[in-house]
Amino acid sequence: MSAQEIIRIANELSAKGITPSTAMVKARLSQPVPMAELLKVLSQWKQQPQPTEPVPATTPSTTKTPADAVNLQQLSEQLNRLEQKVDRLTALLLQRQPD
């Protein structure tokens, strides 16, 4: 049971973005575990971390909110400005090229 608890704790810490260390896992154990076993199990987990639950496949959201529409409008305006700048820079470069 202790190996399962060590793995569970390591997975929980990892899910929170924390790299599990021996001290962190040991502090969260419900019962004392021999240090040799803790090191062995944690070392194995680090070589092959196993997620506690499968990561769901992400699908693009088809629901659009008003904030999405505003953001899309801002991006469109920004794209137009960038295209105009590129056009101006291209024209300037063409003028400077020796014939």
PDB file of N, CA and C in Angstrom:
ATOM      1  N   MET A   1       0.823  -1.200   0.000  1.00  0.00           N
ATOM      2  CA  MET A   1       0.000   0.000   0.000  1.00  0.00           C
ATOM      3  C   MET A   1       0.862   1.256   0.000  1.00  0.00           C
ATOM      4  N   SER A   2       2.003   1.208   0.643  1.00  0.00           N
ATOM      5  CA  SER A   2       2.814   2.417   0.743  1.00  0.00           C
ATOM      6  C   SER A   2       3.329   2.870  -0.617  1.00  0.00           C
ATOM      7  N   ALA A   3       3.640   1.930  -1.517  1.00  0.00           N
ATOM      8  CA  ALA A   3       4.112   2.313  -2.851  1.00  0.00           C
ATOM      9  C   ALA A   3       3.008   3.051  -3.599  1.00  0.00           C
ATOM     10  N   GLN A   4       1.779   2.571  -3.464  1.00  0.00           N
ATOM     11  CA  GLN A   4       0.653   3.239  -4.120  1.00  0.00           C
ATOM     12  C   GLN A   4       0.448   4.644  -3.571  1.00  0.00           C
ATOM     13  N   GLU A   5       0.614   4.805  -2.276  1.00  0.00           N
ATOM     14  CA  GLU A   5       0.455   6.120  -1.663  1.00  0.00           C
ATOM     15  C   GLU A   5       1.561   7.072  -2.119  1.00  0.00           C
ATOM     16  N   ILE A   6       2.773   6.563  -2.231  1.00  0.00           N
ATOM     17  CA  ILE A   6       3.895   7.390  -2.701  1.00  0.00           C
ATOM     18  C   ILE A   6       3.623   7.868  -4.122  1.00  0.00           C
ATOM     19  N   ILE A   7       3.167   6.949  -4.962  1.00  0.00           N
ATOM     20  CA  ILE A   7       2.863   7.300  -6.358  1.00  0.00           C
ATOM     21  C   ILE A   7       1.711   8.297  -6.417  1.00  0.00           C
ATOM     22  N   ARG A   8       0.681   8.075  -5.603  1.00  0.00           N
ATOM     23  CA  ARG A   8      -0.458   8.997  -5.578  1.00  0.00           C
ATOM     24  C   ARG A   8      -0.017  10.406  -5.175  1.00  0.00           C
ATOM     25  N   ILE A   9       0.802  10.504  -4.155  1.00  0.00           N
ATOM     26  CA  ILE A   9       1.285  11.804  -3.685  1.00  0.00           C
ATOM     27  C   ILE A   9       2.157  12.462  -4.747  1.00  0.00           C
ATOM     28  N   ALA A  10       3.034  11.679  -5.368  1.00  0.00           N
ATOM     29  CA  ALA A  10       3.899  12.222  -6.423  1.00  0.00           C
ATOM     30  C   ALA A  10       3.053  12.744  -7.579  1.00  0.00           C
ATOM     31  N   ASN A  11       2.017  12.000  -7.961  1.00  0.00           N
ATOM     32  CA  ASN A  11       1.127  12.446  -9.029  1.00  0.00           C
ATOM     33  C   ASN A  11       0.394  13.730  -8.656  1.00  0.00           C
ATOM     34  N   GLU A  12      -0.072  13.817  -7.417  1.00  0.00           N
ATOM     35  CA  GLU A  12      -0.784  15.019  -6.966  1.00  0.00           C
ATOM     36  C   GLU A  12       0.133  16.239  -7.010  1.00  0.00           C
ATOM     37  N   LEU A  13       1.346  16.081  -6.527  1.00  0.00           N
ATOM     38  CA  LEU A  13       2.302  17.191  -6.548  1.00  0.00           C
ATOM     39  C   LEU A  13       2.619  17.593  -7.988  1.00  0.00           C
ATOM     40  N   SER A  14       2.843  16.597  -8.822  1.00  0.00           N
ATOM     41  CA  SER A  14       3.163  16.864 -10.220  1.00  0.00           C
ATOM     42  C   SER A  14       2.012  17.585 -10.917  1.00  0.00           C
ATOM     43  N   ALA A  15       0.784  17.187 -10.613  1.00  0.00           N
ATOM     44  CA  ALA A  15      -0.397  17.826 -11.217  1.00  0.00           C
ATOM     45  C   ALA A  15      -0.496  19.297 -10.824  1.00  0.00           C
ATOM     46  N   LYS A  16       0.053  19.637  -9.671  1.00  0.00           N
ATOM     47  CA  LYS A  16       0.055  21.032  -9.211  1.00  0.00           C
ATOM     48  C   LYS A  16       1.244  21.809  -9.762  1.00  0.00           C
ATOM     49  N   GLY A  17       2.077  21.132 -10.552  1.00  0.00           N
ATOM     50  CA  GLY A  17       3.245  21.795 -11.118  1.00  0.00           C
ATOM     51  C   GLY A  17       4.457  21.780 -10.211  1.00  0.00           C
ATOM     52  N   ILE A  18       4.414  20.946  -9.185  1.00  0.00           N
ATOM     53  CA  ILE A  18       5.505  20.847  -8.216  1.00  0.00           C
ATOM     54  C   ILE A  18       6.277  19.557  -8.487  1.00  0.00           C
ATOM     55  N   THR A  19       7.594  19.657  -8.590  1.00  0.00           N
ATOM     56  CA  THR A  19       8.410  18.462  -8.767  1.00  0.00           C
ATOM     57  C   THR A  19       8.501  17.742  -7.425  1.00  0.00           C
ATOM     58  N   PRO A  20       8.006  16.514  -7.367  1.00  0.00           N
ATOM     59  CA  PRO A  20       8.012  15.792  -6.094  1.00  0.00           C
ATOM     60  C   PRO A  20       9.429  15.502  -5.610  1.00  0.00           C
ATOM     61  N   SER A  21       9.691  15.836  -4.377  1.00  0.00           N
ATOM     62  CA  SER A  21      10.981  15.494  -3.769  1.00  0.00           C
ATOM     63  C   SER A  21      10.721  14.483  -2.665  1.00  0.00           C
ATOM     64  N   THR A  22      11.781  13.848  -2.210  1.00  0.00           N
ATOM     65  CA  THR A  22      11.652  12.849  -1.156  1.00  0.00           C
ATOM     66  C   THR A  22      11.033  13.463   0.088  1.00  0.00           C
ATOM     67  N   ALA A  23      11.504  14.637   0.483  1.00  0.00           N
ATOM     68  CA  ALA A  23      10.994  15.290   1.688  1.00  0.00           C
ATOM     69  C   ALA A  23       9.523  15.665   1.537  1.00  0.00           C
ATOM     70  N   MET A  24       9.136  16.147   0.369  1.00  0.00           N
ATOM     71  CA  MET A  24       7.744  16.544   0.166  1.00  0.00           C
ATOM     72  C   MET A  24       6.811  15.346   0.244  1.00  0.00           C
ATOM     73  N   VAL A  25       7.219  14.256  -0.380  1.00  0.00           N
ATOM     74  CA  VAL A  25       6.387  13.051  -0.353  1.00  0.00           C
ATOM     75  C   VAL A  25       6.336  12.489   1.061  1.00  0.00           C
ATOM     76  N   LYS A  26       7.475  12.425   1.717  1.00  0.00           N
ATOM     77  CA  LYS A  26       7.540  11.873   3.075  1.00  0.00           C
ATOM     78  C   LYS A  26       6.647  12.659   4.034  1.00  0.00           C
ATOM     79  N   ALA A  27       6.623  13.966   3.881  1.00  0.00           N
ATOM     80  CA  ALA A  27       5.812  14.807   4.767  1.00  0.00           C
ATOM     81  C   ALA A  27       4.315  14.575   4.572  1.00  0.00           C
ATOM     82  N   ARG A  28       3.921  14.082   3.401  1.00  0.00           N
ATOM     83  CA  ARG A  28       2.496  13.886   3.114  1.00  0.00           C
ATOM     84  C   ARG A  28       2.014  12.448   3.339  1.00  0.00           C
ATOM     85  N   LEU A  29       2.928  11.547   3.668  1.00  0.00           N
ATOM     86  CA  LEU A  29       2.553  10.153   3.887  1.00  0.00           C
ATOM     87  C   LEU A  29       1.692  10.009   5.139  1.00  0.00           C
ATOM     88  N   SER A  30       0.703   9.114   5.072  1.00  0.00           N
ATOM     89  CA  SER A  30      -0.173   8.900   6.230  1.00  0.00           C
ATOM     90  C   SER A  30       0.505   8.056   7.303  1.00  0.00           C
ATOM     91  N   GLN A  31       1.452   7.183   6.879  1.00  0.00           N
ATOM     92  CA  GLN A  31       2.201   6.347   7.817  1.00  0.00           C
ATOM     93  C   GLN A  31       3.670   6.369   7.428  1.00  0.00           C
ATOM     94  N   PRO A  32       4.563   6.177   8.400  1.00  0.00           N
ATOM     95  CA  PRO A  32       5.989   6.153   8.071  1.00  0.00           C
ATOM     96  C   PRO A  32       6.328   5.024   7.089  1.00  0.00           C
ATOM     97  N   VAL A  33       7.254   5.322   6.194  1.00  0.00           N
ATOM     98  CA  VAL A  33       7.716   4.365   5.194  1.00  0.00           C
ATOM     99  C   VAL A  33       9.240   4.335   5.288  1.00  0.00           C
ATOM    100  N   PRO A  34       9.840   3.148   5.193  1.00  0.00           N
ATOM    101  CA  PRO A  34      11.303   3.098   5.212  1.00  0.00           C
ATOM    102  C   PRO A  34      11.888   3.962   4.092  1.00  0.00           C
ATOM    103  N   MET A  35      12.937   4.696   4.411  1.00  0.00           N
ATOM    104  CA  MET A  35      13.545   5.619   3.456  1.00  0.00           C
ATOM    105  C   MET A  35      13.982   4.903   2.184  1.00  0.00           C
ATOM    106  N   ALA A  36      14.485   3.686   2.316  1.00  0.00           N
ATOM    107  CA  ALA A  36      14.927   2.930   1.139  1.00  0.00           C
ATOM    108  C   ALA A  36      13.758   2.688   0.181  1.00  0.00           C
ATOM    109  N   GLU A  37      12.605   2.344   0.733  1.00  0.00           N
ATOM    110  CA  GLU A  37      11.424   2.097  -0.114  1.00  0.00           C
ATOM    111  C   GLU A  37      10.948   3.404  -0.759  1.00  0.00           C
ATOM    112  N   LEU A  38      10.931   4.473   0.028  1.00  0.00           N
ATOM    113  CA  LEU A  38      10.510   5.768  -0.499  1.00  0.00           C
ATOM    114  C   LEU A  38      11.407   6.190  -1.658  1.00  0.00           C
ATOM    115  N   LEU A  39      12.718   6.077  -1.477  1.00  0.00           N
ATOM    116  CA  LEU A  39      13.660   6.453  -2.533  1.00  0.00           C
ATOM    117  C   LEU A  39      13.484   5.588  -3.772  1.00  0.00           C
ATOM    118  N   LYS A  40      13.289   4.280  -3.570  1.00  0.00           N
ATOM    119  CA  LYS A  40      13.138   3.352  -4.680  1.00  0.00           C
ATOM    120  C   LYS A  40      11.882   3.672  -5.493  1.00  0.00           C
ATOM    121  N   VAL A  41      10.750   3.819  -4.812  1.00  0.00           N
ATOM    122  CA  VAL A  41       9.482   4.064  -5.506  1.00  0.00           C
ATOM    123  C   VAL A  41       9.497   5.431  -6.182  1.00  0.00           C
ATOM    124  N   LEU A  42       9.998   6.436  -5.502  1.00  0.00           N
ATOM    125  CA  LEU A  42      10.030   7.782  -6.080  1.00  0.00           C
ATOM    126  C   LEU A  42      10.984   7.838  -7.274  1.00  0.00           C
ATOM    127  N   SER A  43      12.081   7.113  -7.186  1.00  0.00           N
ATOM    128  CA  SER A  43      13.018   7.054  -8.307  1.00  0.00           C
ATOM    129  C   SER A  43      12.358   6.402  -9.520  1.00  0.00           C
ATOM    130  N   GLN A  44      11.632   5.310  -9.292  1.00  0.00           N
ATOM    131  CA  GLN A  44      10.908   4.652 -10.387  1.00  0.00           C
ATOM    132  C   GLN A  44       9.849   5.576 -10.964  1.00  0.00           C
ATOM    133  N   TRP A  45       9.144   6.297 -10.107  1.00  0.00           N
ATOM    134  CA  TRP A  45       8.101   7.220 -10.574  1.00  0.00           C
ATOM    135  C   TRP A  45       8.718   8.323 -11.434  1.00  0.00           C
ATOM    136  N   LYS A  46       9.865   8.834 -11.018  1.00  0.00           N
ATOM    137  CA  LYS A  46      10.513   9.906 -11.785  1.00  0.00           C
ATOM    138  C   LYS A  46      10.934   9.426 -13.173  1.00  0.00           C
ATOM    139  N   GLN A  47      11.269   8.149 -13.287  1.00  0.00           N
ATOM    140  CA  GLN A  47      11.648   7.614 -14.587  1.00  0.00           C
ATOM    141  C   GLN A  47      10.435   7.416 -15.487  1.00  0.00           C
ATOM    142  N   GLN A  48       9.283   7.148 -14.895  1.00  0.00           N
ATOM    143  CA  GLN A  48       8.058   6.949 -15.654  1.00  0.00           C
ATOM    144  C   GLN A  48       6.887   7.492 -14.858  1.00  0.00           C
ATOM    145  N   PRO A  49       6.721   8.826 -14.811  1.00  0.00           N
ATOM    146  CA  PRO A  49       5.579   9.366 -14.075  1.00  0.00           C
ATOM    147  C   PRO A  49       4.285   8.924 -14.728  1.00  0.00           C
ATOM    148  N   GLN A  50       3.329   8.587 -13.886  1.00  0.00           N
ATOM    149  CA  GLN A  50       2.024   8.154 -14.380  1.00  0.00           C
ATOM    150  C   GLN A  50       0.972   9.141 -13.919  1.00  0.00           C
ATOM    151  N   PRO A  51       0.206   9.705 -14.844  1.00  0.00           N
ATOM    152  CA  PRO A  51      -0.839  10.635 -14.432  1.00  0.00           C
ATOM    153  C   PRO A  51      -1.905   9.920 -13.617  1.00  0.00           C
ATOM    154  N   THR A  52      -2.519  10.645 -12.692  1.00  0.00           N
ATOM    155  CA  THR A  52      -3.537  10.045 -11.845  1.00  0.00           C
ATOM    156  C   THR A  52      -4.793   9.729 -12.633  1.00  0.00           C
ATOM    157  N   GLU A  53      -5.116  10.531 -13.639  1.00  0.00           N
ATOM    158  CA  GLU A  53      -6.267  10.262 -14.479  1.00  0.00           C
ATOM    159  C   GLU A  53      -5.920  10.667 -15.893  1.00  0.00           C
ATOM    160  N   PRO A  54      -6.529  10.027 -16.860  1.00  0.00           N
ATOM    161  CA  PRO A  54      -6.191  10.359 -18.240  1.00  0.00           C
ATOM    162  C   PRO A  54      -6.532  11.799 -18.567  1.00  0.00           C
ATOM    163  N   VAL A  55      -5.682  12.403 -19.381  1.00  0.00           N
ATOM    164  CA  VAL A  55      -5.898  13.774 -19.795  1.00  0.00           C
ATOM    165  C   VAL A  55      -6.937  13.769 -20.907  1.00  0.00           C
ATOM    166  N   PRO A  56      -8.039  14.512 -20.740  1.00  0.00           N
ATOM    167  CA  PRO A  56      -9.060  14.507 -21.779  1.00  0.00           C
ATOM    168  C   PRO A  56      -8.555  15.193 -23.039  1.00  0.00           C
ATOM    169  N   ALA A  57      -8.997  14.682 -24.165  1.00  0.00           N
ATOM    170  CA  ALA A  57      -8.615  15.288 -25.441  1.00  0.00           C
ATOM    171  C   ALA A  57      -9.272  16.651 -25.548  1.00  0.00           C
ATOM    172  N   THR A  58      -8.493  17.615 -25.973  1.00  0.00           N
ATOM    173  CA  THR A  58      -9.049  18.956 -26.103  1.00  0.00           C
ATOM    174  C   THR A  58      -9.612  19.127 -27.502  1.00  0.00           C
ATOM    175  N   THR A  59     -10.762  19.726 -27.546  1.00  0.00           N
ATOM    176  CA  THR A  59     -11.387  20.019 -28.830  1.00  0.00           C
ATOM    177  C   THR A  59     -11.607  21.516 -28.902  1.00  0.00           C
ATOM    178  N   PRO A  60     -11.520  22.073 -30.079  1.00  0.00           N
ATOM    179  CA  PRO A  60     -11.727  23.509 -30.194  1.00  0.00           C
ATOM    180  C   PRO A  60     -13.140  23.885 -29.760  1.00  0.00           C
ATOM    181  N   SER A  61     -13.221  24.977 -29.073  1.00  0.00           N
ATOM    182  CA  SER A  61     -14.514  25.451 -28.600  1.00  0.00           C
ATOM    183  C   SER A  61     -15.290  26.067 -29.758  1.00  0.00           C
ATOM    184  N   THR A  62     -16.542  25.663 -29.884  1.00  0.00           N
ATOM    185  CA  THR A  62     -17.371  26.221 -30.951  1.00  0.00           C
ATOM    186  C   THR A  62     -18.266  27.330 -30.429  1.00  0.00           C
ATOM    187  N   THR A  63     -18.306  27.489 -29.114  1.00  0.00           N
ATOM    188  CA  THR A  63     -19.114  28.542 -28.521  1.00  0.00           C
ATOM    189  C   THR A  63     -18.299  29.822 -28.489  1.00  0.00           C
ATOM    190  N   LYS A  64     -18.844  30.877 -29.061  1.00  0.00           N
ATOM    191  CA  LYS A  64     -18.141  32.155 -29.085  1.00  0.00           C
ATOM    192  C   LYS A  64     -18.833  33.118 -28.136  1.00  0.00           C
ATOM    193  N   THR A  65     -18.015  33.802 -27.375  1.00  0.00           N
ATOM    194  CA  THR A  65     -18.535  34.790 -26.435  1.00  0.00           C
ATOM    195  C   THR A  65     -18.325  36.183 -27.013  1.00  0.00           C
ATOM    196  N   PRO A  66     -18.975  37.188 -26.446  1.00  0.00           N
ATOM    197  CA  PRO A  66     -18.733  38.560 -26.901  1.00  0.00           C
ATOM    198  C   PRO A  66     -17.257  38.954 -26.781  1.00  0.00           C
ATOM    199  N   ALA A  67     -16.578  38.447 -25.776  1.00  0.00           N
ATOM    200  CA  ALA A  67     -15.155  38.754 -25.613  1.00  0.00           C
ATOM    201  C   ALA A  67     -14.357  38.187 -26.786  1.00  0.00           C
ATOM    202  N   ASP A  68     -14.754  37.010 -27.275  1.00  0.00           N
ATOM    203  CA  ASP A  68     -14.079  36.431 -28.439  1.00  0.00           C
ATOM    204  C   ASP A  68     -14.254  37.326 -29.663  1.00  0.00           C
ATOM    205  N   ALA A  69     -15.465  37.860 -29.828  1.00  0.00           N
ATOM    206  CA  ALA A  69     -15.737  38.723 -30.977  1.00  0.00           C
ATOM    207  C   ALA A  69     -14.895  39.992 -30.905  1.00  0.00           C
ATOM    208  N   VAL A  70     -14.783  40.558 -29.710  1.00  0.00           N
ATOM    209  CA  VAL A  70     -13.972  41.769 -29.527  1.00  0.00           C
ATOM    210  C   VAL A  70     -12.512  41.451 -29.809  1.00  0.00           C
ATOM    211  N   ASN A  71     -12.041  40.337 -29.268  1.00  0.00           N
ATOM    212  CA  ASN A  71     -10.650  39.942 -29.472  1.00  0.00           C
ATOM    213  C   ASN A  71     -10.380  39.686 -30.952  1.00  0.00           C
ATOM    214  N   LEU A  72     -11.317  39.047 -31.627  1.00  0.00           N
ATOM    215  CA  LEU A  72     -11.165  38.788 -33.050  1.00  0.00           C
ATOM    216  C   LEU A  72     -11.108  40.094 -33.839  1.00  0.00           C
ATOM    217  N   GLN A  73     -11.934  41.048 -33.460  1.00  0.00           N
ATOM    218  CA  GLN A  73     -11.945  42.359 -34.121  1.00  0.00           C
ATOM    219  C   GLN A  73     -10.603  43.070 -33.910  1.00  0.00           C
ATOM    220  N   GLN A  74     -10.082  43.013 -32.686  1.00  0.00           N
ATOM    221  CA  GLN A  74      -8.794  43.646 -32.397  1.00  0.00           C
ATOM    222  C   GLN A  74      -7.675  42.992 -33.200  1.00  0.00           C
ATOM    223  N   LEU A  75      -7.711  41.683 -33.293  1.00  0.00           N
ATOM    224  CA  LEU A  75      -6.684  40.984 -34.066  1.00  0.00           C
ATOM    225  C   LEU A  75      -6.784  41.323 -35.546  1.00  0.00           C
ATOM    226  N   SER A  76      -7.995  41.454 -36.034  1.00  0.00           N
ATOM    227  CA  SER A  76      -8.192  41.809 -37.439  1.00  0.00           C
ATOM    228  C   SER A  76      -7.639  43.202 -37.735  1.00  0.00           C
ATOM    229  N   GLU A  77      -7.910  44.141 -36.837  1.00  0.00           N
ATOM    230  CA  GLU A  77      -7.400  45.505 -37.002  1.00  0.00           C
ATOM    231  C   GLU A  77      -5.870  45.520 -36.940  1.00  0.00           C
ATOM    232  N   GLN A  78      -5.319  44.769 -36.029  1.00  0.00           N
ATOM    233  CA  GLN A  78      -3.862  44.697 -35.896  1.00  0.00           C
ATOM    234  C   GLN A  78      -3.248  44.092 -37.159  1.00  0.00           C
ATOM    235  N   LEU A  79      -3.869  43.067 -37.701  1.00  0.00           N
ATOM    236  CA  LEU A  79      -3.381  42.451 -38.927  1.00  0.00           C
ATOM    237  C   LEU A  79      -3.404  43.448 -40.083  1.00  0.00           C
ATOM    238  N   ASN A  80      -4.478  44.219 -40.180  1.00  0.00           N
ATOM    239  CA  ASN A  80      -4.565  45.231 -41.237  1.00  0.00           C
ATOM    240  C   ASN A  80      -3.448  46.260 -41.114  1.00  0.00           C
ATOM    241  N   ARG A  81      -3.173  46.717 -39.894  1.00  0.00           N
ATOM    242  CA  ARG A  81      -2.096  47.691 -39.679  1.00  0.00           C
ATOM    243  C   ARG A  81      -0.738  47.097 -40.062  1.00  0.00           C
ATOM    244  N   LEU A  82      -0.514  45.858 -39.691  1.00  0.00           N
ATOM    245  CA  LEU A  82       0.758  45.213 -40.024  1.00  0.00           C
ATOM    246  C   LEU A  82       0.906  45.037 -41.529  1.00  0.00           C
ATOM    247  N   GLU A  83      -0.176  44.669 -42.187  1.00  0.00           N
ATOM    248  CA  GLU A  83      -0.110  44.527 -43.648  1.00  0.00           C
ATOM    249  C   GLU A  83       0.215  45.867 -44.311  1.00  0.00           C
ATOM    250  N   GLN A  84      -0.373  46.959 -43.806  1.00  0.00           N
ATOM    251  CA  GLN A  84      -0.084  48.282 -44.359  1.00  0.00           C
ATOM    252  C   GLN A  84       1.390  48.639 -44.156  1.00  0.00           C
ATOM    253  N   LYS A  85       1.924  48.324 -42.988  1.00  0.00           N
ATOM    254  CA  LYS A  85       3.338  48.604 -42.721  1.00  0.00           C
ATOM    255  C   LYS A  85       4.245  47.805 -43.647  1.00  0.00           C
ATOM    256  N   VAL A  86       3.914  46.548 -43.848  1.00  0.00           N
ATOM    257  CA  VAL A  86       4.717  45.714 -44.742  1.00  0.00           C
ATOM    258  C   VAL A  86       4.676  46.277 -46.152  1.00  0.00           C
ATOM    259  N   ASP A  87       3.497  46.707 -46.589  1.00  0.00           N
ATOM    260  CA  ASP A  87       3.372  47.308 -47.923  1.00  0.00           C
ATOM    261  C   ASP A  87       4.241  48.559 -48.047  1.00  0.00           C
ATOM    262  N   ARG A  88       4.232  49.418 -47.016  1.00  0.00           N
ATOM    263  CA  ARG A  88       5.051  50.636 -47.044  1.00  0.00           C
ATOM    264  C   ARG A  88       6.535  50.308 -47.061  1.00  0.00           C
ATOM    265  N   LEU A  89       6.928  49.351 -46.244  1.00  0.00           N
ATOM    266  CA  LEU A  89       8.344  48.956 -46.204  1.00  0.00           C
ATOM    267  C   LEU A  89       8.787  48.346 -47.530  1.00  0.00           C
ATOM    268  N   THR A  90       7.935  47.557 -48.126  1.00  0.00           N
ATOM    269  CA  THR A  90       8.254  46.969 -49.424  1.00  0.00           C
ATOM    270  C   THR A  90       8.434  48.054 -50.474  1.00  0.00           C
ATOM    271  N   ALA A  91       7.536  49.034 -50.466  1.00  0.00           N
ATOM    272  CA  ALA A  91       7.636  50.133 -51.425  1.00  0.00           C
ATOM    273  C   ALA A  91       8.928  50.912 -51.214  1.00  0.00           C
ATOM    274  N   LEU A  92       9.300  51.172 -49.969  1.00  0.00           N
ATOM    275  CA  LEU A  92      10.544  51.885 -49.681  1.00  0.00           C
ATOM    276  C   LEU A  92      11.763  51.091 -50.151  1.00  0.00           C
ATOM    277  N   LEU A  93      11.758  49.813 -49.917  1.00  0.00           N
ATOM    278  CA  LEU A  93      12.880  48.986 -50.356  1.00  0.00           C
ATOM    279  C   LEU A  93      13.002  48.969 -51.871  1.00  0.00           C
ATOM    280  N   LEU A  94      11.875  48.913 -52.551  1.00  0.00           N
ATOM    281  CA  LEU A  94      11.900  48.899 -54.010  1.00  0.00           C
ATOM    282  C   LEU A  94      12.437  50.234 -54.555  1.00  0.00           C
ATOM    283  N   GLN A  95      12.131  51.321 -53.868  1.00  0.00           N
ATOM    284  CA  GLN A  95      12.624  52.657 -54.297  1.00  0.00           C
ATOM    285  C   GLN A  95      14.125  52.754 -54.101  1.00  0.00           C
ATOM    286  N   ARG A  96      14.663  52.131 -53.080  1.00  0.00           N
ATOM    287  CA  ARG A  96      16.097  52.244 -52.763  1.00  0.00           C
ATOM    288  C   ARG A  96      16.974  51.340 -53.589  1.00  0.00           C
ATOM    289  N   GLN A  97      16.422  50.341 -54.212  1.00  0.00           N
ATOM    290  CA  GLN A  97      17.231  49.398 -54.985  1.00  0.00           C
ATOM    291  C   GLN A  97      17.810  50.096 -56.211  1.00  0.00           C
ATOM    292  N   PRO A  98      19.127  49.964 -56.412  1.00  0.00           N
ATOM    293  CA  PRO A  98      19.741  50.536 -57.617  1.00  0.00           C
ATOM    294  C   PRO A  98      19.298  49.738 -58.846  1.00  0.00           C
ATOM    295  N   ASP A  99      19.072  50.458 -59.926  1.00  0.00           N
ATOM    296  CA  ASP A  99      18.659  49.806 -61.178  1.00  0.00           C
ATOM    297  C   ASP A  99      19.819  49.259 -61.932  1.00  0.00           C
TER     298      ASP A  99
END
